[in-house]
């Protein structure tokens, strides 16, 4: 029942985060520290949602990867929380991302179909948060957050490449 409620909430909250996840057109202002913090927290919520979803449908491969990514997101959030407290920022975290909902849509899918959708759902989320951090680094408004973004970008880029490679193999 708890999982069903989480899935329903994820489905209801599919509004695009154009104001905080970096879906801006070229030439517009770079994201602020609060927008970056919000976007990174939302990405972490997405990864936590993957873990919850794999508990229902995933095989050992996706369950292990989802658990690893959720653990990494918790570590990232802990580092980000320190930066957030130093800034005194209150991020806007409250909307789930649409890709979590897209992962749960094919209720009848399982096996290879589910595994492909698991990896496919991650790629746009990674690209979104990577783009957000890259745009922020073009004109950062906080040195600590800029250092955090520089530290996270190579990790996130590596993870999205892994997801793309694995999806291509499936």
N, C-alpha and C. Protein backbone atom coordinates (compact mmCIF):
# COMPACT_ATOMS: atom_id res chain seq x y z
N UNK A 1 0.82 -1.19 0.00
CA UNK A 1 0.00 0.00 0.00
C UNK A 1 0.87 1.26 0.00
N UNK A 2 1.97 1.23 0.80
CA UNK A 2 2.86 2.37 0.86
C UNK A 2 3.51 2.63 -0.50
N UNK A 3 3.88 1.56 -1.16
CA UNK A 3 4.51 1.69 -2.47
C UNK A 3 3.50 2.23 -3.48
N UNK A 4 2.26 1.75 -3.41
CA UNK A 4 1.22 2.25 -4.31
C UNK A 4 1.02 3.74 -4.10
N UNK A 5 0.98 4.16 -2.86
CA UNK A 5 0.82 5.59 -2.57
C UNK A 5 2.00 6.39 -3.12
N UNK A 6 3.22 5.86 -2.99
CA UNK A 6 4.40 6.54 -3.52
C UNK A 6 4.34 6.64 -5.04
N UNK A 7 3.88 5.57 -5.67
CA UNK A 7 3.77 5.59 -7.13
C UNK A 7 2.73 6.59 -7.59
N UNK A 8 1.62 6.65 -6.88
CA UNK A 8 0.56 7.61 -7.24
C UNK A 8 1.07 9.03 -7.07
N UNK A 9 1.76 9.29 -5.95
CA UNK A 9 2.31 10.63 -5.74
C UNK A 9 3.33 10.98 -6.82
N UNK A 10 4.15 10.01 -7.19
CA UNK A 10 5.14 10.26 -8.25
C UNK A 10 4.44 10.56 -9.57
N UNK A 11 3.38 9.86 -9.84
CA UNK A 11 2.65 10.08 -11.09
C UNK A 11 1.97 11.44 -11.09
N UNK A 12 1.39 11.82 -9.96
CA UNK A 12 0.70 13.11 -9.86
C UNK A 12 1.67 14.27 -9.98
N UNK A 13 2.87 14.07 -9.48
CA UNK A 13 3.85 15.15 -9.43
C UNK A 13 4.77 15.16 -10.64
N UNK A 14 4.23 14.98 -11.81
CA UNK A 14 5.08 14.88 -12.99
C UNK A 14 5.34 16.22 -13.67
N UNK A 15 5.08 17.29 -13.00
CA UNK A 15 5.32 18.60 -13.60
C UNK A 15 6.80 18.78 -13.90
N UNK A 16 7.09 19.31 -15.05
CA UNK A 16 8.48 19.56 -15.43
C UNK A 16 9.05 20.65 -14.54
N UNK A 17 10.31 20.55 -14.21
CA UNK A 17 10.95 21.50 -13.32
C UNK A 17 11.76 22.52 -14.12
N UNK A 18 11.13 23.14 -15.09
CA UNK A 18 11.85 24.07 -15.95
C UNK A 18 12.48 25.21 -15.17
N UNK A 19 11.87 25.59 -14.06
CA UNK A 19 12.42 26.69 -13.30
C UNK A 19 13.58 26.29 -12.41
N UNK A 20 13.77 24.99 -12.14
CA UNK A 20 14.84 24.64 -11.22
C UNK A 20 15.74 23.51 -11.69
N UNK A 21 15.46 22.88 -12.80
CA UNK A 21 16.34 21.81 -13.24
C UNK A 21 17.11 22.17 -14.49
N UNK A 22 17.05 23.41 -14.89
CA UNK A 22 17.92 23.86 -15.94
C UNK A 22 17.41 23.69 -17.35
N UNK A 23 16.14 23.67 -17.55
CA UNK A 23 15.62 23.58 -18.91
C UNK A 23 15.47 24.98 -19.48
N UNK A 24 16.57 25.68 -19.55
CA UNK A 24 16.58 27.06 -20.01
C UNK A 24 17.11 27.13 -21.43
N UNK A 25 16.73 28.17 -22.09
CA UNK A 25 17.21 28.38 -23.44
C UNK A 25 18.54 29.10 -23.39
N UNK A 26 19.38 28.86 -24.40
CA UNK A 26 20.68 29.55 -24.44
C UNK A 26 20.48 31.06 -24.38
N UNK A 27 21.35 31.73 -23.66
CA UNK A 27 21.26 33.18 -23.56
C UNK A 27 20.52 33.64 -22.33
N UNK A 28 19.79 32.76 -21.67
CA UNK A 28 19.09 33.14 -20.45
C UNK A 28 20.07 33.13 -19.30
N UNK A 29 19.67 33.70 -18.19
CA UNK A 29 20.54 33.81 -17.03
C UNK A 29 20.92 32.43 -16.51
N UNK A 30 22.10 32.31 -15.95
CA UNK A 30 22.51 31.02 -15.37
C UNK A 30 21.68 30.74 -14.11
N UNK A 31 21.59 29.49 -13.72
CA UNK A 31 20.82 29.16 -12.53
C UNK A 31 21.49 29.71 -11.26
N UNK A 32 20.69 30.02 -10.28
CA UNK A 32 21.20 30.50 -9.00
C UNK A 32 21.60 29.30 -8.14
N UNK A 33 22.24 29.59 -7.03
CA UNK A 33 22.64 28.53 -6.10
C UNK A 33 21.42 27.76 -5.62
N UNK A 34 20.35 28.46 -5.30
CA UNK A 34 19.14 27.79 -4.82
C UNK A 34 18.56 26.87 -5.89
N UNK A 35 18.57 27.32 -7.14
CA UNK A 35 18.07 26.47 -8.23
C UNK A 35 18.93 25.22 -8.41
N UNK A 36 20.23 25.38 -8.26
CA UNK A 36 21.14 24.24 -8.40
C UNK A 36 20.92 23.26 -7.25
N UNK A 37 20.85 23.77 -6.05
CA UNK A 37 20.62 22.90 -4.88
C UNK A 37 19.30 22.16 -5.04
N UNK A 38 18.27 22.86 -5.45
CA UNK A 38 16.96 22.22 -5.65
C UNK A 38 17.04 21.14 -6.73
N UNK A 39 17.72 21.45 -7.81
CA UNK A 39 17.85 20.49 -8.90
C UNK A 39 18.61 19.24 -8.49
N UNK A 40 19.67 19.40 -7.72
CA UNK A 40 20.46 18.25 -7.26
C UNK A 40 19.64 17.41 -6.28
N UNK A 41 18.92 18.07 -5.37
CA UNK A 41 18.07 17.31 -4.45
C UNK A 41 16.97 16.55 -5.20
N UNK A 42 16.40 17.17 -6.22
CA UNK A 42 15.37 16.49 -7.01
C UNK A 42 15.95 15.28 -7.75
N UNK A 43 17.18 15.42 -8.23
CA UNK A 43 17.84 14.29 -8.88
C UNK A 43 18.04 13.16 -7.87
N UNK A 44 18.42 13.50 -6.65
CA UNK A 44 18.57 12.49 -5.61
C UNK A 44 17.24 11.81 -5.30
N UNK A 45 16.17 12.59 -5.28
CA UNK A 45 14.84 12.00 -5.05
C UNK A 45 14.49 11.04 -6.18
N UNK A 46 14.87 11.39 -7.39
CA UNK A 46 14.65 10.49 -8.52
C UNK A 46 15.38 9.17 -8.28
N UNK A 47 16.64 9.25 -7.86
CA UNK A 47 17.40 8.03 -7.64
C UNK A 47 16.82 7.21 -6.49
N UNK A 48 16.32 7.86 -5.47
CA UNK A 48 15.66 7.13 -4.39
C UNK A 48 14.39 6.46 -4.91
N UNK A 49 13.69 7.14 -5.81
CA UNK A 49 12.48 6.56 -6.41
C UNK A 49 12.80 5.32 -7.23
N UNK A 50 13.95 5.32 -7.91
CA UNK A 50 14.36 4.13 -8.65
C UNK A 50 14.53 2.94 -7.72
N UNK A 51 15.13 3.20 -6.57
CA UNK A 51 15.33 2.13 -5.60
C UNK A 51 13.99 1.55 -5.14
N UNK A 52 13.06 2.42 -4.84
CA UNK A 52 11.73 1.96 -4.42
C UNK A 52 11.06 1.15 -5.53
N UNK A 53 11.21 1.61 -6.76
CA UNK A 53 10.58 0.93 -7.89
C UNK A 53 11.19 -0.44 -8.13
N UNK A 54 12.49 -0.56 -7.97
CA UNK A 54 13.14 -1.85 -8.22
C UNK A 54 12.79 -2.87 -7.15
N UNK A 55 12.38 -2.41 -5.98
CA UNK A 55 11.94 -3.35 -4.95
C UNK A 55 10.74 -4.16 -5.42
N UNK A 56 9.95 -3.55 -6.29
CA UNK A 56 8.75 -4.22 -6.79
C UNK A 56 9.02 -5.10 -8.00
N UNK A 57 9.84 -4.62 -8.92
CA UNK A 57 9.94 -5.29 -10.21
C UNK A 57 11.34 -5.71 -10.63
N UNK A 58 12.33 -5.14 -10.04
CA UNK A 58 13.67 -5.31 -10.57
C UNK A 58 14.30 -6.66 -10.31
N UNK A 59 15.22 -6.99 -11.20
CA UNK A 59 16.05 -8.18 -10.99
C UNK A 59 17.25 -7.78 -10.12
N UNK A 60 18.11 -8.70 -9.83
CA UNK A 60 19.24 -8.43 -8.94
C UNK A 60 20.14 -7.33 -9.50
N UNK A 61 20.34 -7.30 -10.81
CA UNK A 61 21.21 -6.30 -11.43
C UNK A 61 20.69 -4.89 -11.16
N UNK A 62 19.42 -4.64 -11.46
CA UNK A 62 18.90 -3.29 -11.29
C UNK A 62 18.71 -2.95 -9.81
N UNK A 63 18.38 -3.93 -8.99
CA UNK A 63 18.26 -3.66 -7.55
C UNK A 63 19.59 -3.23 -6.97
N UNK A 64 20.66 -3.92 -7.35
CA UNK A 64 21.99 -3.57 -6.84
C UNK A 64 22.42 -2.20 -7.33
N UNK A 65 22.19 -1.91 -8.60
CA UNK A 65 22.57 -0.60 -9.13
C UNK A 65 21.74 0.50 -8.49
N UNK A 66 20.45 0.27 -8.35
CA UNK A 66 19.59 1.28 -7.73
C UNK A 66 20.02 1.53 -6.28
N UNK A 67 20.38 0.49 -5.56
CA UNK A 67 20.84 0.65 -4.18
C UNK A 67 22.14 1.44 -4.14
N UNK A 68 23.04 1.14 -5.06
CA UNK A 68 24.31 1.87 -5.13
C UNK A 68 24.07 3.34 -5.44
N UNK A 69 23.23 3.63 -6.42
CA UNK A 69 22.95 5.03 -6.79
C UNK A 69 22.24 5.76 -5.65
N UNK A 70 21.36 5.08 -4.94
CA UNK A 70 20.67 5.71 -3.81
C UNK A 70 21.67 6.03 -2.69
N UNK A 71 22.61 5.13 -2.47
CA UNK A 71 23.65 5.36 -1.47
C UNK A 71 24.52 6.55 -1.88
N UNK A 72 24.89 6.59 -3.16
CA UNK A 72 25.69 7.71 -3.66
C UNK A 72 24.93 9.03 -3.55
N UNK A 73 23.63 8.99 -3.81
CA UNK A 73 22.83 10.21 -3.72
C UNK A 73 22.74 10.69 -2.26
N UNK A 74 22.68 9.75 -1.32
CA UNK A 74 22.65 10.13 0.10
C UNK A 74 23.97 10.82 0.49
N UNK A 75 25.10 10.30 0.00
CA UNK A 75 26.39 10.93 0.27
C UNK A 75 26.46 12.31 -0.38
N UNK A 76 25.98 12.40 -1.62
CA UNK A 76 25.99 13.69 -2.32
C UNK A 76 25.12 14.69 -1.57
N UNK A 77 23.95 14.24 -1.11
CA UNK A 77 23.06 15.13 -0.37
C UNK A 77 23.69 15.62 0.93
N UNK A 78 24.44 14.75 1.58
CA UNK A 78 25.11 15.12 2.82
C UNK A 78 26.12 16.23 2.57
N UNK A 79 26.90 16.09 1.50
CA UNK A 79 27.86 17.14 1.13
C UNK A 79 27.14 18.42 0.74
N UNK A 80 26.06 18.27 0.00
CA UNK A 80 25.30 19.43 -0.45
C UNK A 80 24.63 20.14 0.73
N UNK A 81 24.22 19.38 1.71
CA UNK A 81 23.57 19.97 2.89
C UNK A 81 24.52 20.94 3.60
N UNK A 82 25.80 20.58 3.66
CA UNK A 82 26.79 21.47 4.28
C UNK A 82 26.89 22.79 3.51
N UNK A 83 26.93 22.68 2.19
CA UNK A 83 26.99 23.87 1.34
C UNK A 83 25.72 24.69 1.52
N UNK A 84 24.60 24.02 1.52
CA UNK A 84 23.31 24.70 1.68
C UNK A 84 23.25 25.47 3.00
N UNK A 85 23.71 24.85 4.08
CA UNK A 85 23.70 25.52 5.38
C UNK A 85 24.64 26.72 5.39
N UNK A 86 25.79 26.60 4.72
CA UNK A 86 26.73 27.72 4.66
C UNK A 86 26.12 28.90 3.90
N UNK A 87 25.38 28.58 2.86
CA UNK A 87 24.73 29.63 2.06
C UNK A 87 23.52 30.19 2.79
N UNK A 88 22.86 29.34 3.55
CA UNK A 88 21.61 29.74 4.20
C UNK A 88 20.45 29.67 3.24
N UNK A 89 20.56 28.77 2.27
CA UNK A 89 19.53 28.65 1.24
C UNK A 89 18.49 27.62 1.63
N UNK A 90 17.28 27.87 1.22
CA UNK A 90 16.19 26.92 1.41
C UNK A 90 15.73 26.48 0.02
N UNK A 91 16.14 25.27 -0.40
CA UNK A 91 15.81 24.83 -1.77
C UNK A 91 14.33 24.53 -1.92
N UNK A 92 13.90 24.57 -3.18
CA UNK A 92 12.52 24.22 -3.51
C UNK A 92 12.51 22.77 -3.93
N UNK A 93 12.30 21.90 -2.97
CA UNK A 93 12.22 20.47 -3.25
C UNK A 93 10.82 20.04 -2.87
N UNK A 94 10.08 19.59 -3.84
CA UNK A 94 8.73 19.16 -3.52
C UNK A 94 8.07 18.46 -4.68
N UNK A 95 8.64 18.60 -5.84
CA UNK A 95 8.07 17.96 -7.01
C UNK A 95 8.92 16.76 -7.38
N UNK A 96 8.27 15.66 -7.69
CA UNK A 96 9.01 14.50 -8.19
C UNK A 96 9.26 14.70 -9.67
N UNK A 97 10.26 14.07 -10.18
CA UNK A 97 10.56 14.21 -11.59
C UNK A 97 9.70 13.27 -12.41
N UNK A 98 9.53 13.62 -13.66
CA UNK A 98 8.63 12.85 -14.52
C UNK A 98 9.19 11.49 -14.89
N UNK A 99 10.49 11.32 -14.86
CA UNK A 99 11.06 10.04 -15.28
C UNK A 99 10.74 8.92 -14.32
N UNK A 100 10.54 9.22 -13.05
CA UNK A 100 10.14 8.17 -12.12
C UNK A 100 8.80 7.62 -12.57
N UNK A 101 7.90 8.51 -12.93
CA UNK A 101 6.58 8.07 -13.39
C UNK A 101 6.69 7.28 -14.69
N UNK A 102 7.58 7.70 -15.58
CA UNK A 102 7.70 6.98 -16.85
C UNK A 102 8.26 5.58 -16.63
N UNK A 103 9.01 5.41 -15.57
CA UNK A 103 9.56 4.09 -15.29
C UNK A 103 8.47 3.14 -14.81
N UNK A 104 7.47 3.64 -14.11
CA UNK A 104 6.45 2.77 -13.56
C UNK A 104 5.27 2.58 -14.49
N UNK A 105 5.18 3.35 -15.56
CA UNK A 105 4.04 3.25 -16.46
C UNK A 105 3.83 1.85 -17.01
N UNK A 106 4.83 1.19 -17.55
CA UNK A 106 4.55 -0.12 -18.13
C UNK A 106 4.36 -1.18 -17.05
N UNK A 107 3.20 -1.16 -16.43
CA UNK A 107 2.90 -2.10 -15.34
C UNK A 107 3.07 -3.55 -15.77
N UNK A 108 2.82 -3.83 -17.01
CA UNK A 108 2.89 -5.20 -17.47
C UNK A 108 4.30 -5.60 -17.87
N UNK A 109 5.21 -4.65 -17.92
CA UNK A 109 6.55 -4.99 -18.37
C UNK A 109 7.35 -5.62 -17.23
N UNK A 110 8.21 -6.51 -17.62
CA UNK A 110 9.14 -7.11 -16.68
C UNK A 110 10.31 -7.63 -17.47
N UNK A 111 11.24 -8.22 -16.80
CA UNK A 111 12.39 -8.79 -17.49
C UNK A 111 13.17 -7.75 -18.27
N UNK A 112 13.56 -8.09 -19.51
CA UNK A 112 14.38 -7.18 -20.31
C UNK A 112 13.71 -5.83 -20.58
N UNK A 113 12.40 -5.82 -20.72
CA UNK A 113 11.70 -4.56 -20.97
C UNK A 113 11.86 -3.63 -19.78
N UNK A 114 11.69 -4.16 -18.60
CA UNK A 114 11.85 -3.34 -17.40
C UNK A 114 13.29 -2.86 -17.26
N UNK A 115 14.25 -3.72 -17.51
CA UNK A 115 15.66 -3.34 -17.38
C UNK A 115 15.98 -2.20 -18.35
N UNK A 116 15.50 -2.29 -19.59
CA UNK A 116 15.73 -1.20 -20.55
C UNK A 116 15.08 0.09 -20.07
N UNK A 117 13.84 0.01 -19.57
CA UNK A 117 13.17 1.23 -19.11
C UNK A 117 13.88 1.81 -17.88
N UNK A 118 14.44 0.94 -17.05
CA UNK A 118 15.20 1.39 -15.88
C UNK A 118 16.38 2.25 -16.30
N UNK A 119 17.15 1.78 -17.27
CA UNK A 119 18.30 2.55 -17.73
C UNK A 119 17.87 3.76 -18.55
N UNK A 120 16.85 3.60 -19.37
CA UNK A 120 16.39 4.71 -20.21
C UNK A 120 15.86 5.87 -19.37
N UNK A 121 15.24 5.57 -18.25
CA UNK A 121 14.70 6.63 -17.39
C UNK A 121 15.81 7.46 -16.76
N UNK A 122 16.95 6.87 -16.56
CA UNK A 122 18.04 7.58 -15.89
C UNK A 122 18.73 8.61 -16.78
N UNK A 123 18.86 8.30 -18.04
CA UNK A 123 19.68 9.13 -18.93
C UNK A 123 19.21 10.58 -18.98
N UNK A 124 17.92 10.87 -19.22
CA UNK A 124 17.53 12.28 -19.26
C UNK A 124 17.69 12.98 -17.91
N UNK A 125 17.53 12.24 -16.82
CA UNK A 125 17.72 12.85 -15.50
C UNK A 125 19.19 13.23 -15.29
N UNK A 126 20.08 12.33 -15.67
CA UNK A 126 21.51 12.66 -15.58
C UNK A 126 21.84 13.85 -16.46
N UNK A 127 21.36 13.84 -17.69
CA UNK A 127 21.66 14.93 -18.61
C UNK A 127 21.15 16.26 -18.08
N UNK A 128 19.99 16.23 -17.45
CA UNK A 128 19.41 17.45 -16.89
C UNK A 128 20.26 18.01 -15.76
N UNK A 129 20.66 17.16 -14.82
CA UNK A 129 21.45 17.66 -13.68
C UNK A 129 22.86 18.04 -14.13
N UNK A 130 23.42 17.32 -15.08
CA UNK A 130 24.74 17.67 -15.61
C UNK A 130 24.67 19.04 -16.30
N UNK A 131 23.65 19.24 -17.11
CA UNK A 131 23.47 20.53 -17.78
C UNK A 131 23.29 21.67 -16.79
N UNK A 132 22.54 21.41 -15.74
CA UNK A 132 22.32 22.41 -14.70
C UNK A 132 23.64 22.81 -14.05
N UNK A 133 24.44 21.82 -13.68
CA UNK A 133 25.73 22.11 -13.05
C UNK A 133 26.68 22.82 -14.01
N UNK A 134 26.68 22.40 -15.26
CA UNK A 134 27.55 23.05 -16.25
C UNK A 134 27.17 24.51 -16.44
N UNK A 135 25.88 24.80 -16.54
CA UNK A 135 25.44 26.20 -16.71
C UNK A 135 25.76 27.02 -15.46
N UNK A 136 25.61 26.39 -14.31
CA UNK A 136 25.95 27.10 -13.06
C UNK A 136 27.42 27.47 -13.04
N UNK A 137 28.27 26.57 -13.46
CA UNK A 137 29.71 26.83 -13.40
C UNK A 137 30.15 27.92 -14.37
N UNK A 138 29.32 28.28 -15.33
CA UNK A 138 29.67 29.38 -16.23
C UNK A 138 29.62 30.72 -15.52
N UNK A 139 28.77 30.83 -14.48
CA UNK A 139 28.67 32.07 -13.71
C UNK A 139 28.21 31.73 -12.29
N UNK A 140 29.06 31.06 -11.51
CA UNK A 140 28.65 30.65 -10.17
C UNK A 140 28.47 31.85 -9.24
N UNK A 141 27.52 31.73 -8.31
CA UNK A 141 27.31 32.79 -7.34
C UNK A 141 27.73 32.38 -5.94
N UNK A 142 28.38 31.20 -5.82
CA UNK A 142 28.87 30.75 -4.53
C UNK A 142 30.07 29.82 -4.76
N UNK A 143 31.16 30.12 -4.12
CA UNK A 143 32.39 29.35 -4.32
C UNK A 143 32.27 27.91 -3.82
N UNK A 144 31.62 27.71 -2.69
CA UNK A 144 31.49 26.35 -2.15
C UNK A 144 30.61 25.49 -3.05
N UNK A 145 29.54 26.05 -3.56
CA UNK A 145 28.66 25.30 -4.46
C UNK A 145 29.36 25.03 -5.79
N UNK A 146 30.16 25.98 -6.24
CA UNK A 146 30.92 25.77 -7.48
C UNK A 146 31.92 24.62 -7.30
N UNK A 147 32.56 24.56 -6.15
CA UNK A 147 33.49 23.45 -5.88
C UNK A 147 32.73 22.12 -5.83
N UNK A 148 31.55 22.12 -5.21
CA UNK A 148 30.72 20.93 -5.16
C UNK A 148 30.36 20.49 -6.59
N UNK A 149 29.95 21.44 -7.43
CA UNK A 149 29.57 21.12 -8.81
C UNK A 149 30.76 20.55 -9.59
N UNK A 150 31.93 21.15 -9.43
CA UNK A 150 33.12 20.65 -10.11
C UNK A 150 33.47 19.23 -9.67
N UNK A 151 33.24 18.94 -8.40
CA UNK A 151 33.52 17.60 -7.87
C UNK A 151 32.51 16.58 -8.40
N UNK A 152 31.26 16.97 -8.54
CA UNK A 152 30.20 16.04 -8.93
C UNK A 152 30.14 15.79 -10.43
N UNK A 153 30.49 16.75 -11.24
CA UNK A 153 30.35 16.59 -12.69
C UNK A 153 31.05 15.35 -13.25
N UNK A 154 32.31 15.10 -12.94
CA UNK A 154 32.95 13.90 -13.51
C UNK A 154 32.26 12.60 -13.05
N UNK A 155 31.80 12.58 -11.82
CA UNK A 155 31.11 11.40 -11.30
C UNK A 155 29.81 11.17 -12.06
N UNK A 156 29.03 12.23 -12.21
CA UNK A 156 27.75 12.12 -12.90
C UNK A 156 27.94 11.77 -14.38
N UNK A 157 28.94 12.36 -15.00
CA UNK A 157 29.21 12.04 -16.41
C UNK A 157 29.59 10.57 -16.58
N UNK A 158 30.39 10.07 -15.68
CA UNK A 158 30.76 8.65 -15.73
C UNK A 158 29.55 7.76 -15.55
N UNK A 159 28.69 8.11 -14.62
CA UNK A 159 27.49 7.30 -14.37
C UNK A 159 26.54 7.31 -15.56
N UNK A 160 26.37 8.45 -16.21
CA UNK A 160 25.46 8.48 -17.37
C UNK A 160 26.07 7.68 -18.52
N UNK A 161 27.38 7.75 -18.70
CA UNK A 161 28.02 6.93 -19.75
C UNK A 161 27.81 5.45 -19.46
N UNK A 162 27.93 5.06 -18.20
CA UNK A 162 27.69 3.67 -17.83
C UNK A 162 26.25 3.26 -18.14
N UNK A 163 25.31 4.12 -17.83
CA UNK A 163 23.90 3.82 -18.10
C UNK A 163 23.66 3.70 -19.60
N UNK A 164 24.26 4.61 -20.38
CA UNK A 164 24.09 4.55 -21.84
C UNK A 164 24.69 3.28 -22.42
N UNK A 165 25.88 2.93 -21.95
CA UNK A 165 26.53 1.71 -22.42
C UNK A 165 25.72 0.47 -22.07
N UNK A 166 25.26 0.41 -20.84
CA UNK A 166 24.49 -0.75 -20.40
C UNK A 166 23.17 -0.85 -21.17
N UNK A 167 22.52 0.27 -21.38
CA UNK A 167 21.27 0.27 -22.13
C UNK A 167 21.51 -0.21 -23.56
N UNK A 168 22.60 0.20 -24.15
CA UNK A 168 22.92 -0.24 -25.51
C UNK A 168 23.16 -1.73 -25.58
N UNK A 169 23.69 -2.28 -24.50
CA UNK A 169 23.95 -3.73 -24.45
C UNK A 169 22.69 -4.55 -24.23
N UNK A 170 21.65 -3.94 -23.70
CA UNK A 170 20.43 -4.70 -23.34
C UNK A 170 19.53 -4.90 -24.51
